[in-house]
Amino acid sequence: MSGSGVDPAPSPAAPRGRGPVVAALMLGMALAAIDGTIVSTAVPQIVGDLGGFSVFSWLFSGYLLAVTVTLPVYGKLSDTFGRKPVLIAGIVLFLFGSVLCAAAWNMAALIAFRVVQGLGGGALQGTVQTIAADLYPLRERPKIQAKLSTVWATSAVAGPVIGGLFAVYADWRWIFLINLPIGAVALWLVVRHLHEPSRIRRAAGAPRPRIDWAGALAVFATGTLLLTALVQGGVAWPWLSAPSLGLLAGSAALGALTVVIERRAAEPIIPGWVWRRRTIASVNLALGAMGLLMVAPTVFLPTYAQSVLGLGPVAAGFVLSVMTLSWPVSAAFSNRVYNRIGFRLTAIIGMGCALLILLAFPLLPYPGEPWQPALIMLLLGAALGLFQLPLIVGVQSTVGWAERGTTTASVLFCRQVGQSVGAALFGAVANGVLTSRLAAAPVPGLPDDLDAVSHALDDPGSLSAAATDQLRRAVDAAVDHVYLGAAAAAALALLVLVLLAPRRFPVLTEEPGGDTPAP
């Protein structure tokens, strides 16, 4: 075992046919990433056809919920039964959900079928990352992770553009039908070229693996209640209302029940060692904090670009998309840093830079020029690439094959939960700042929340010049406060790495024929 963050032993020979498998992983990653955003620009056409404007936000929330709460389940199943059957089942379920979405007859049906898509998307996200770590030895993992990061970033940014094109020039149902040929190719490549290593086969007479169905159901129910409370609180109902308090209390009670069930289970879905090992626990918390801070650029920067800078949707998207240019480049070169100084210190440098960059955003002049936030996003992408990839590669390298799926899923789960918490928390912060600023404004009749402000600025003829200026300044102040909150999340990630993470990750020595679980 090496403590320097570098595997000194020779890497196992690369599996034959690795190229087609990598192509399948990239296609699977593209499917999962693009479906998180492709619906956004087609909402007007979908609502015009199916109705249900009051609940359309569940097109996004339902998919996010299903992906998030199933990640731990799929991670454990892939460790127990192998990656290939889980990935195949995920692709098939995702494509089945896509067909159902294309055939939806009303908004309720479409939301339900988006949940089915998300159930498959959870298998795609976690299993793709795990297989990538299985295929490549430690020294080569930055290459495949950089490829997957590039696919994820490109697909997430391209999603709204593709959705808009289908909605305008074809039909919104093609948003889901386009998944079928892509998914079919990925499925064929997986079935034909992905061969599981012999180490997952059970020895003769060995007991059959037991599935912790009670734990899976408890994890699913707990995550669903918690994320529903976070996603809908302050939107569909006030935070201190009976629905919010009831959902939060229910998720707390189910969480306690989940702990009891998992402690008694022979093969728990979320094993206790995920939180008992310092390396895994600290990476989970650090990436959860990163999910929290990512809400600032991905959710609030487009609003800032359009409302404060006066940019159109395409130009606003470009301000955000520059982050996806520097992130994979930084991630690809991060191995040159952590090979010298280790995973932990590399991540600390990356998040330290991200903290300073986030603190610089509130210092931008009002109204400023588009290149200024674009430059900040370019630098932020580089910093976060230096932070995230070393932690993912590092934590995957501290466990053996039989624990890698569970470990990867726990990391992705914490990042997703962080994003949900961030959306709820920073949404409350932004609306609070807006309410106070607009209430104190000398111009009467101004809107008092972020959605109403956005609609008012979309129709500038309805506002006086003074009212428009007050709205823009209020939005500027609200987004500045969100970025300060994101900086606090970055500081939290730094504290976790400094105080909890081990100085050197206990990396396993990879040997031909397999590896051994970390102690």
Protein backbone atom coordinates (compact mmCIF):
# COMPACT_ATOMS: atom_id res chain seq x y z
CA MET A 1 0.00 0.00 0.00
CA SER A 2 1.29 3.44 -0.91
CA GLY A 3 0.68 6.55 1.14
CA SER A 4 2.08 9.09 -1.27
CA GLY A 5 -0.97 9.31 -3.48
CA VAL A 6 0.83 7.43 -6.26
CA ASP A 7 0.68 3.76 -7.08
CA PRO A 8 4.26 2.55 -7.30
CA ALA A 9 3.36 -0.91 -8.52
CA PRO A 10 2.89 -1.80 -12.16
CA SER A 11 -0.67 -1.41 -13.33
CA PRO A 12 -2.63 -4.43 -14.45
CA ALA A 13 -2.72 -5.09 -18.14
CA ALA A 14 -5.42 -3.15 -19.93
CA PRO A 15 -8.46 -5.26 -20.78
CA ARG A 16 -8.93 -6.15 -24.40
CA GLY A 17 -11.59 -4.18 -26.22
CA ARG A 18 -11.33 -1.23 -23.86
CA GLY A 19 -11.95 1.33 -26.62
CA PRO A 20 -15.53 0.23 -27.42
CA VAL A 21 -16.34 0.07 -23.71
CA VAL A 22 -15.06 3.63 -23.22
CA ALA A 23 -17.25 4.73 -26.14
CA ALA A 24 -20.23 3.09 -24.43
CA LEU A 25 -19.39 4.85 -21.14
CA MET A 26 -19.20 8.23 -22.86
CA LEU A 27 -22.53 7.65 -24.61
CA GLY A 28 -24.10 6.60 -21.33
CA MET A 29 -22.70 9.65 -19.57
CA ALA A 30 -24.05 11.88 -22.38
CA LEU A 31 -27.53 10.39 -21.98
CA ALA A 32 -27.60 11.01 -18.24
CA ALA A 33 -26.19 14.53 -18.50
CA ILE A 34 -28.22 15.83 -21.40
CA ASP A 35 -31.55 14.68 -19.99
CA GLY A 36 -31.03 16.77 -16.89
CA THR A 37 -31.21 19.99 -18.96
CA ILE A 38 -32.69 19.25 -22.40
CA VAL A 39 -36.30 19.81 -21.27
CA SER A 40 -35.68 23.35 -19.96
CA THR A 41 -36.03 25.31 -23.21
CA ALA A 42 -38.99 23.22 -24.43
CA VAL A 43 -41.19 23.87 -21.38
CA PRO A 44 -43.45 26.43 -23.16
CA GLN A 45 -44.20 23.97 -25.98
CA ILE A 46 -44.75 21.07 -23.55
CA VAL A 47 -47.08 23.11 -21.36
CA GLY A 48 -48.91 24.41 -24.43
CA ASP A 49 -49.53 20.84 -25.57
CA LEU A 50 -50.16 19.03 -22.27
CA GLY A 51 -51.11 21.79 -19.84
CA GLY A 52 -50.04 21.56 -16.19
CA PHE A 53 -48.09 24.82 -15.89
CA SER A 54 -48.44 24.82 -12.09
CA VAL A 55 -46.51 21.54 -11.74
CA PHE A 56 -44.07 21.61 -14.68
CA SER A 57 -41.09 22.10 -12.33
CA TRP A 58 -41.51 18.43 -11.39
CA LEU A 59 -40.22 17.56 -14.86
CA PHE A 60 -36.81 18.47 -13.41
CA SER A 61 -37.39 17.66 -9.74
CA GLY A 62 -38.80 14.19 -10.42
CA TYR A 63 -35.82 13.23 -12.57
CA LEU A 64 -33.35 14.64 -10.00
CA LEU A 65 -35.06 12.82 -7.13
CA ALA A 66 -35.02 9.46 -8.90
CA VAL A 67 -31.36 9.78 -9.92
CA THR A 68 -30.20 10.85 -6.47
CA VAL A 69 -32.02 8.36 -4.27
CA THR A 70 -31.12 5.36 -6.44
CA LEU A 71 -27.37 6.02 -6.57
CA PRO A 72 -26.53 4.15 -3.32
CA VAL A 73 -28.75 1.23 -4.34
CA TYR A 74 -27.10 0.79 -7.73
CA GLY A 75 -23.65 1.19 -6.20
CA LYS A 76 -24.23 -1.73 -3.82
CA LEU A 77 -25.84 -3.86 -6.54
CA SER A 78 -22.86 -3.33 -8.85
CA ASP A 79 -20.49 -4.47 -6.10
CA THR A 80 -22.64 -7.54 -5.43
CA PHE A 81 -23.62 -8.70 -8.92
CA GLY A 82 -21.15 -6.90 -11.17
CA ARG A 83 -21.21 -3.67 -13.18
CA LYS A 84 -22.44 -5.12 -16.48
CA PRO A 85 -25.93 -6.27 -15.44
CA VAL A 86 -26.54 -3.04 -13.52
CA LEU A 87 -25.45 -0.87 -16.45
CA ILE A 88 -27.52 -2.88 -18.93
CA ALA A 89 -30.58 -2.66 -16.68
CA GLY A 90 -30.03 1.10 -16.28
CA ILE A 91 -29.79 1.72 -20.02
CA VAL A 92 -32.88 -0.39 -20.75
CA LEU A 93 -34.88 1.35 -18.01
CA PHE A 94 -33.73 4.77 -19.21
CA LEU A 95 -34.74 4.02 -22.80
CA PHE A 96 -38.07 2.57 -21.66
CA GLY A 97 -38.72 5.78 -19.74
CA SER A 98 -37.78 7.81 -22.83
CA VAL A 99 -40.37 5.96 -24.94
CA LEU A 100 -43.00 6.53 -22.27
CA CYS A 101 -42.14 10.25 -22.06
CA ALA A 102 -42.52 10.61 -25.83
CA ALA A 103 -45.95 8.99 -25.60
CA ALA A 104 -47.16 11.04 -22.59
CA TRP A 105 -50.75 12.28 -22.87
CA ASN A 106 -50.77 14.80 -20.02
CA MET A 107 -48.38 16.49 -17.61
CA ALA A 108 -48.97 14.00 -14.79
CA ALA A 109 -48.02 11.11 -17.08
CA LEU A 110 -44.93 12.94 -18.34
CA ILE A 111 -43.75 13.64 -14.78
CA ALA A 112 -44.25 9.99 -13.82
CA PHE A 113 -42.33 8.82 -16.88
CA ARG A 114 -39.52 11.28 -16.13
CA VAL A 115 -39.19 9.51 -12.77
CA VAL A 116 -38.84 6.21 -14.66
CA GLN A 117 -36.08 7.84 -16.74
CA GLY A 118 -34.38 8.98 -13.56
CA LEU A 119 -34.43 5.45 -12.16
CA GLY A 120 -32.33 4.42 -15.15
CA GLY A 121 -30.23 7.59 -15.00
CA GLY A 122 -29.08 6.74 -11.48
CA ALA A 123 -27.61 3.48 -12.75
CA LEU A 124 -25.91 5.29 -15.63
CA GLN A 125 -24.23 7.96 -13.49
CA GLY A 126 -22.79 5.77 -10.77
CA THR A 127 -21.93 2.67 -12.79
CA VAL A 128 -20.22 4.56 -15.61
CA GLN A 129 -17.86 6.21 -13.12
CA THR A 130 -17.17 2.90 -11.40
CA ILE A 131 -16.42 0.99 -14.61
CA ALA A 132 -14.06 3.77 -15.67
CA ALA A 133 -12.08 3.21 -12.46
CA ASP A 134 -12.14 -0.56 -13.03
CA LEU A 135 -10.77 -0.29 -16.56
CA TYR A 136 -7.84 2.02 -15.85
CA PRO A 137 -5.03 1.75 -13.31
CA LEU A 138 -4.42 4.72 -11.05
CA ARG A 139 -1.88 6.43 -13.30
CA GLU A 140 -4.28 6.44 -16.26
CA ARG A 141 -7.53 7.33 -14.49
CA PRO A 142 -7.22 11.11 -15.00
CA LYS A 143 -7.46 10.53 -18.77
CA ILE A 144 -10.78 8.71 -18.67
CA GLN A 145 -12.15 10.98 -15.94
CA ALA A 146 -11.24 14.04 -18.02
CA LYS A 147 -13.05 12.50 -21.00
CA LEU A 148 -16.14 11.82 -18.92
CA SER A 149 -15.99 15.34 -17.45
CA THR A 150 -15.81 16.79 -20.95
CA VAL A 151 -18.79 14.71 -22.08
CA TRP A 152 -20.78 15.67 -19.00
CA ALA A 153 -20.04 19.39 -19.32
CA THR A 154 -20.63 19.52 -23.08
CA SER A 155 -23.88 17.56 -22.84
CA ALA A 156 -25.22 19.61 -19.96
CA VAL A 157 -24.58 22.86 -21.85
CA ALA A 158 -25.80 21.49 -25.19
CA GLY A 159 -29.00 20.11 -23.65
CA PRO A 160 -31.00 23.37 -23.63
CA VAL A 161 -29.88 24.20 -27.18
CA ILE A 162 -30.92 20.80 -28.53
CA GLY A 163 -34.21 20.92 -26.65
CA GLY A 164 -34.98 24.34 -28.07
CA LEU A 165 -34.19 23.25 -31.62
CA PHE A 166 -36.49 20.22 -31.37
CA ALA A 167 -39.25 22.29 -29.80
CA VAL A 168 -39.08 24.99 -32.51
CA TYR A 169 -38.32 23.00 -35.66
CA ALA A 170 -39.78 19.55 -34.91
CA ASP A 171 -41.80 18.38 -31.91
CA TRP A 172 -40.91 18.32 -28.22
CA ARG A 173 -41.42 14.52 -28.15
CA TRP A 174 -38.22 14.13 -30.19
CA ILE A 175 -36.35 15.34 -27.09
CA PHE A 176 -36.94 11.85 -25.69
CA LEU A 177 -36.94 9.83 -28.91
CA ILE A 178 -33.40 10.99 -29.74
CA ASN A 179 -32.23 8.92 -26.76
CA LEU A 180 -33.20 5.66 -28.48
CA PRO A 181 -30.48 5.40 -31.17
CA ILE A 182 -27.79 6.73 -28.81
CA GLY A 183 -28.83 4.35 -26.05
CA ALA A 184 -29.12 1.43 -28.47
CA VAL A 185 -25.51 1.90 -29.60
CA ALA A 186 -24.32 2.17 -25.97
CA LEU A 187 -26.28 -0.95 -25.05
CA TRP A 188 -24.84 -2.96 -27.94
CA LEU A 189 -21.29 -1.90 -27.08
CA VAL A 190 -21.74 -2.88 -23.44
CA VAL A 191 -23.28 -6.28 -24.24
CA ARG A 192 -20.68 -7.05 -26.89
CA HIS A 193 -17.46 -5.70 -25.39
CA LEU A 194 -17.72 -5.33 -21.59
CA HIS A 195 -16.40 -8.49 -19.94
CA GLU A 196 -16.57 -8.76 -16.17
CA PRO A 197 -13.38 -9.88 -14.38
CA SER A 198 -13.36 -13.39 -12.98
CA ARG A 199 -13.01 -12.12 -9.41
CA ILE A 200 -16.74 -11.34 -9.16
CA ARG A 201 -17.76 -14.94 -9.79
CA ARG A 202 -18.87 -16.84 -6.72
CA ALA A 203 -16.86 -19.81 -5.62
CA ALA A 204 -18.55 -23.22 -5.65
CA GLY A 205 -20.67 -23.66 -2.54
CA ALA A 206 -20.44 -19.98 -1.57
CA PRO A 207 -23.66 -18.48 -0.19
CA ARG A 208 -25.76 -16.56 -2.68
CA PRO A 209 -25.53 -12.77 -2.23
CA ARG A 210 -28.49 -11.32 -0.33
CA ILE A 211 -30.14 -8.12 -1.47
CA ASP A 212 -31.02 -5.65 1.28
CA TRP A 213 -34.48 -4.80 -0.08
CA ALA A 214 -35.62 -3.26 3.21
CA GLY A 215 -32.56 -0.99 3.27
CA ALA A 216 -33.01 -0.05 -0.38
CA LEU A 217 -36.64 0.91 0.23
CA ALA A 218 -35.72 2.87 3.37
CA VAL A 219 -32.95 4.78 1.57
CA PHE A 220 -35.29 5.51 -1.34
CA ALA A 221 -38.11 6.73 0.92
CA THR A 222 -35.81 8.86 3.10
CA GLY A 223 -34.15 10.51 0.10
CA THR A 224 -37.47 11.12 -1.62
CA LEU A 225 -39.01 12.91 1.38
CA LEU A 226 -35.88 14.95 2.09
CA LEU A 227 -35.26 16.05 -1.50
CA THR A 228 -38.95 16.83 -2.03
CA ALA A 229 -38.85 19.10 1.01
CA LEU A 230 -35.69 20.83 -0.27
CA VAL A 231 -36.84 21.16 -3.89
CA GLN A 232 -40.40 22.34 -3.19
CA GLY A 233 -39.89 24.26 0.06
CA GLY A 234 -40.20 27.99 -0.53
CA VAL A 235 -41.58 27.30 -4.03
CA ALA A 236 -44.75 25.23 -3.83
CA TRP A 237 -45.30 26.11 -0.16
CA PRO A 238 -43.63 28.28 2.54
CA TRP A 239 -40.70 26.85 4.48
CA LEU A 240 -42.50 26.97 7.83
CA SER A 241 -45.73 25.49 6.47
CA ALA A 242 -47.19 22.10 7.40
CA PRO A 243 -46.00 20.37 4.16
CA SER A 244 -42.37 21.45 4.64
CA LEU A 245 -42.24 20.64 8.34
CA GLY A 246 -44.05 17.34 7.79
CA LEU A 247 -41.70 16.25 5.01
CA LEU A 248 -38.59 17.21 7.02
CA ALA A 249 -39.88 15.42 10.12
CA GLY A 250 -40.80 12.38 8.06
CA SER A 251 -37.36 12.27 6.40
CA ALA A 252 -35.68 12.51 9.84
CA ALA A 253 -37.78 9.63 11.18
CA LEU A 254 -37.15 7.50 8.10
CA GLY A 255 -33.44 8.35 8.31
CA ALA A 256 -33.31 6.98 11.84
CA LEU A 257 -35.18 3.86 10.71
CA THR A 258 -32.73 3.45 7.82
CA VAL A 259 -29.78 3.48 10.24
CA VAL A 260 -31.43 0.73 12.33
CA ILE A 261 -32.19 -1.39 9.25
CA GLU A 262 -28.69 -0.98 7.79
CA ARG A 263 -27.01 -1.93 11.06
CA ARG A 264 -28.91 -5.21 11.14
CA ALA A 265 -28.60 -6.05 7.43
CA ALA A 266 -26.14 -8.74 6.35
CA GLU A 267 -25.34 -6.82 3.13
CA PRO A 268 -26.40 -3.21 3.78
CA ILE A 269 -27.04 -0.82 0.90
CA ILE A 270 -25.06 1.90 2.72
CA PRO A 271 -22.43 0.06 4.79
CA GLY A 272 -21.17 1.69 7.95
CA TRP A 273 -17.58 1.67 6.67
CA VAL A 274 -18.51 4.41 4.16
CA TRP A 275 -18.60 6.84 7.09
CA ARG A 276 -16.13 5.11 9.43
CA ARG A 277 -13.19 5.45 7.04
CA ARG A 278 -11.76 8.95 7.23
CA THR A 279 -10.82 9.12 3.58
CA ILE A 280 -14.26 8.22 2.21
CA ALA A 281 -16.18 10.26 4.78
CA SER A 282 -14.08 13.39 4.20
CA VAL A 283 -14.37 13.12 0.41
CA ASN A 284 -18.14 12.66 0.71
CA LEU A 285 -18.44 15.80 2.83
CA ALA A 286 -16.06 17.82 0.66
CA LEU A 287 -17.89 16.94 -2.56
CA GLY A 288 -21.21 17.61 -0.84
CA ALA A 289 -19.93 21.13 -0.13
CA MET A 290 -18.87 21.42 -3.78
CA GLY A 291 -22.39 20.47 -4.86
CA LEU A 292 -23.64 23.24 -2.60
CA LEU A 293 -21.40 25.92 -4.15
CA MET A 294 -22.12 24.79 -7.73
CA VAL A 295 -25.66 26.14 -7.42
CA ALA A 296 -24.32 29.71 -7.62
CA PRO A 297 -22.93 29.50 -11.19
CA THR A 298 -25.34 26.94 -12.64
CA VAL A 299 -28.63 28.36 -11.27
CA PHE A 300 -28.05 32.04 -10.56
CA LEU A 301 -25.41 33.14 -13.08
CA PRO A 302 -27.79 32.90 -16.09
CA THR A 303 -30.29 35.08 -14.22
CA TYR A 304 -27.52 37.56 -13.46
CA ALA A 305 -26.33 37.60 -17.07
CA GLN A 306 -29.81 38.26 -18.44
CA SER A 307 -31.26 40.50 -15.71
CA VAL A 308 -28.19 42.58 -14.80
CA LEU A 309 -26.04 42.49 -17.93
CA GLY A 310 -29.01 42.48 -20.33
CA LEU A 311 -27.77 39.51 -22.35
CA GLY A 312 -29.98 37.17 -24.36
CA PRO A 313 -30.36 33.49 -23.42
CA VAL A 314 -27.64 32.33 -25.85
CA ALA A 315 -25.08 34.89 -24.68
CA ALA A 316 -25.98 34.18 -21.04
CA GLY A 317 -25.41 30.50 -21.67
CA PHE A 318 -21.97 31.25 -23.09
CA VAL A 319 -20.97 33.13 -19.92
CA LEU A 320 -21.70 29.96 -17.98
CA SER A 321 -20.34 27.50 -20.55
CA VAL A 322 -16.78 28.85 -20.44
CA MET A 323 -16.45 27.01 -17.13
CA THR A 324 -16.83 23.75 -19.05
CA LEU A 325 -13.81 24.67 -21.18
CA SER A 326 -11.31 24.98 -18.34
CA TRP A 327 -12.69 22.27 -16.03
CA PRO A 328 -11.75 19.18 -18.10
CA VAL A 329 -8.40 20.68 -19.11
CA SER A 330 -7.50 21.31 -15.47
CA ALA A 331 -8.75 17.84 -14.51
CA ALA A 332 -6.66 16.19 -17.24
CA PHE A 333 -3.46 17.82 -15.95
CA SER A 334 -4.23 17.38 -12.25
CA ASN A 335 -2.37 14.06 -12.13
CA ARG A 336 0.90 15.94 -12.69
CA VAL A 337 0.15 17.81 -9.48
CA TYR A 338 -1.14 15.03 -7.24
CA ASN A 339 1.59 12.64 -8.38
CA ARG A 340 4.01 15.08 -6.75
CA ILE A 341 2.15 16.41 -3.72
CA GLY A 342 -0.72 13.94 -3.13
CA PHE A 343 -4.49 13.98 -3.55
CA ARG A 344 -5.37 15.95 -0.43
CA LEU A 345 -3.01 18.87 -0.97
CA THR A 346 -3.95 19.14 -4.65
CA ALA A 347 -7.64 19.34 -3.72
CA ILE A 348 -6.87 21.94 -1.03
CA ILE A 349 -5.07 24.12 -3.59
CA GLY A 350 -7.97 23.78 -6.04
CA MET A 351 -10.64 24.68 -3.49
CA GLY A 352 -8.50 27.46 -2.02
CA CYS A 353 -8.35 29.05 -5.48
CA ALA A 354 -12.10 28.52 -5.91
CA LEU A 355 -12.73 30.32 -2.61
CA LEU A 356 -10.79 33.39 -3.74
CA ILE A 357 -12.52 33.36 -7.15
CA LEU A 358 -15.98 33.17 -5.58
CA LEU A 359 -15.13 36.05 -3.25
CA ALA A 360 -14.12 38.11 -6.30
CA PHE A 361 -17.58 37.92 -7.88
CA PRO A 362 -19.28 40.44 -5.51
CA LEU A 363 -16.44 42.89 -6.32
CA LEU A 364 -17.49 43.10 -9.99
CA PRO A 365 -18.67 46.58 -10.98
CA TYR A 366 -22.33 47.30 -11.67
CA PRO A 367 -23.52 46.62 -14.31
CA GLY A 368 -20.12 45.54 -15.65
CA GLU A 369 -19.11 43.82 -18.89
CA PRO A 370 -19.93 40.22 -19.91
CA TRP A 371 -16.26 39.25 -20.11
CA GLN A 372 -15.83 39.87 -16.37
CA PRO A 373 -18.12 37.09 -15.05
CA ALA A 374 -17.01 34.92 -17.99
CA LEU A 375 -13.40 35.23 -16.83
CA ILE A 376 -14.41 34.34 -13.28
CA MET A 377 -16.23 31.23 -14.55
CA LEU A 378 -13.20 30.24 -16.63
CA LEU A 379 -10.98 30.44 -13.55
CA LEU A 380 -13.57 28.71 -11.36
CA GLY A 381 -13.76 25.77 -13.77
CA ALA A 382 -9.98 25.38 -13.64
CA ALA A 383 -9.98 25.47 -9.83
CA LEU A 384 -12.80 22.95 -9.44
CA GLY A 385 -11.20 20.59 -11.97
CA LEU A 386 -8.12 20.60 -9.76
CA PHE A 387 -10.33 19.88 -6.74
CA GLN A 388 -12.86 17.27 -7.83
CA LEU A 389 -10.92 14.80 -9.96
CA PRO A 390 -8.07 14.12 -7.48
CA LEU A 391 -10.65 13.36 -4.79
CA ILE A 392 -12.68 10.99 -6.97
CA VAL A 393 -9.61 9.20 -8.32
CA GLY A 394 -8.05 9.14 -4.88
CA VAL A 395 -11.04 7.70 -3.02
CA GLN A 396 -11.66 5.09 -5.74
CA SER A 397 -8.03 4.01 -5.37
CA THR A 398 -8.36 3.35 -1.63
CA VAL A 399 -10.85 0.50 -2.05
CA GLY A 400 -10.88 -2.82 -3.84
CA TRP A 401 -13.11 -3.87 -6.71
CA ALA A 402 -15.82 -5.23 -4.37
CA GLU A 403 -16.22 -1.86 -2.64
CA ARG A 404 -15.64 0.57 -5.49
CA GLY A 405 -19.25 0.78 -6.68
CA THR A 406 -20.55 1.61 -3.21
CA THR A 407 -17.78 4.15 -2.65
CA THR A 408 -18.33 5.91 -5.99
CA ALA A 409 -22.09 5.99 -5.49
CA SER A 410 -21.71 7.51 -2.01
CA VAL A 411 -19.54 10.31 -3.42
CA LEU A 412 -21.99 11.10 -6.23
CA PHE A 413 -24.95 10.85 -3.84
CA CYS A 414 -23.42 13.41 -1.47
CA ARG A 415 -22.67 15.76 -4.37
CA GLN A 416 -26.28 15.50 -5.62
CA VAL A 417 -27.70 16.09 -2.14
CA GLY A 418 -25.40 19.11 -1.79
CA GLN A 419 -26.85 20.58 -4.98
CA SER A 420 -30.40 20.08 -3.72
CA VAL A 421 -29.58 21.69 -0.37
CA GLY A 422 -27.82 24.54 -2.17
CA ALA A 423 -30.77 25.20 -4.47
CA ALA A 424 -33.10 25.46 -1.47
CA LEU A 425 -30.72 27.46 0.73
CA PHE A 426 -29.49 29.93 -1.87
CA GLY A 427 -32.99 30.33 -3.31
CA ALA A 428 -34.12 31.49 0.12
CA VAL A 429 -31.10 33.80 0.40
CA ALA A 430 -31.73 35.35 -3.04
CA ASN A 431 -35.42 35.90 -2.42
CA GLY A 432 -34.71 37.34 1.03
CA VAL A 433 -32.24 39.88 -0.35
CA LEU A 434 -34.58 40.77 -3.20
CA THR A 435 -37.53 41.28 -0.87
CA SER A 436 -35.58 43.58 1.44
CA ARG A 437 -33.99 45.60 -1.37
CA LEU A 438 -37.21 46.07 -3.33
CA ALA A 439 -39.24 46.89 -0.20
CA ALA A 440 -36.78 49.69 0.57
CA ALA A 441 -36.70 50.97 -3.03
CA PRO A 442 -38.20 54.43 -3.64
CA VAL A 443 -40.09 53.15 -6.71
CA PRO A 444 -43.53 51.65 -5.86
CA GLY A 445 -45.13 48.56 -7.41
CA LEU A 446 -41.96 46.50 -7.86
CA PRO A 447 -42.12 42.65 -7.83
CA ASP A 448 -40.85 40.92 -4.72
CA ASP A 449 -39.36 37.55 -5.74
CA LEU A 450 -36.87 36.18 -8.26
CA ASP A 451 -39.43 34.71 -10.66
CA ALA A 452 -41.53 37.87 -10.75
CA VAL A 453 -38.41 40.00 -11.27
CA SER A 454 -37.34 37.82 -14.19
CA HIS A 455 -40.76 38.16 -15.84
CA ALA A 456 -40.78 41.92 -15.30
CA LEU A 457 -37.37 42.35 -16.91
CA ASP A 458 -38.46 40.19 -19.86
CA ASP A 459 -41.03 42.89 -20.60
CA PRO A 460 -39.05 46.12 -20.12
CA GLY A 461 -41.81 48.24 -21.65
CA SER A 462 -43.91 47.69 -18.53
CA LEU A 463 -41.30 49.37 -16.31
CA SER A 464 -39.93 52.86 -16.04
CA ALA A 465 -36.21 53.44 -16.39
CA ALA A 466 -35.93 54.02 -12.64
CA ALA A 467 -37.85 50.83 -11.82
CA THR A 468 -35.72 48.79 -14.24
CA ASP A 469 -32.54 50.11 -12.63
CA GLN A 470 -33.84 49.26 -9.15
CA LEU A 471 -34.68 45.72 -10.26
CA ARG A 472 -31.28 45.19 -11.82
CA ARG A 473 -29.50 46.45 -8.72
CA ALA A 474 -31.63 44.20 -6.50
CA VAL A 475 -30.82 41.15 -8.63
CA ASP A 476 -27.14 42.11 -8.58
CA ALA A 477 -27.19 42.29 -4.78
CA ALA A 478 -29.07 38.97 -4.50
CA VAL A 479 -26.61 37.10 -6.72
CA ASP A 480 -23.67 38.70 -4.88
CA HIS A 481 -25.02 37.26 -1.62
CA VAL A 482 -25.44 33.85 -3.26
CA TYR A 483 -21.80 33.90 -4.32
CA LEU A 484 -20.79 34.82 -0.78
CA GLY A 485 -22.76 31.77 0.36
CA ALA A 486 -20.95 29.68 -2.24
CA ALA A 487 -17.65 31.00 -0.88
CA ALA A 488 -18.74 29.84 2.59
CA ALA A 489 -19.39 26.37 1.11
CA ALA A 490 -15.89 26.43 -0.38
CA ALA A 491 -14.49 27.34 3.03
CA LEU A 492 -16.42 24.40 4.52
CA ALA A 493 -14.88 22.04 1.95
CA LEU A 494 -11.44 23.36 2.87
CA LEU A 495 -12.07 22.80 6.57
CA VAL A 496 -13.16 19.23 5.89
CA LEU A 497 -9.99 18.50 3.92
CA VAL A 498 -7.69 20.18 6.44
CA LEU A 499 -9.26 18.76 9.62
CA LEU A 500 -10.75 15.41 8.60
CA ALA A 501 -9.00 14.08 5.49
CA PRO A 502 -5.83 12.03 6.08
CA ARG A 503 -2.63 13.70 4.92
CA ARG A 504 -1.99 10.76 2.60
CA PHE A 505 -4.70 8.62 1.07
CA PRO A 506 -4.19 4.89 1.82
CA VAL A 507 -3.95 3.92 -1.86
CA LEU A 508 -4.05 0.21 -2.65
CA THR A 509 -1.20 -1.36 -4.57
CA GLU A 510 -2.71 -2.73 -7.75
CA GLU A 511 -1.51 -6.16 -8.68
CA PRO A 512 -2.28 -8.38 -11.64
CA GLY A 513 -5.29 -10.50 -10.81
CA GLY A 514 -7.01 -8.06 -8.53
CA ASP A 515 -6.73 -5.90 -5.48
CA THR A 516 -7.56 -6.23 -1.84
CA PRO A 517 -10.13 -4.17 0.10
CA ALA A 518 -8.65 -1.42 2.18
CA PRO A 519 -8.53 -2.04 5.90
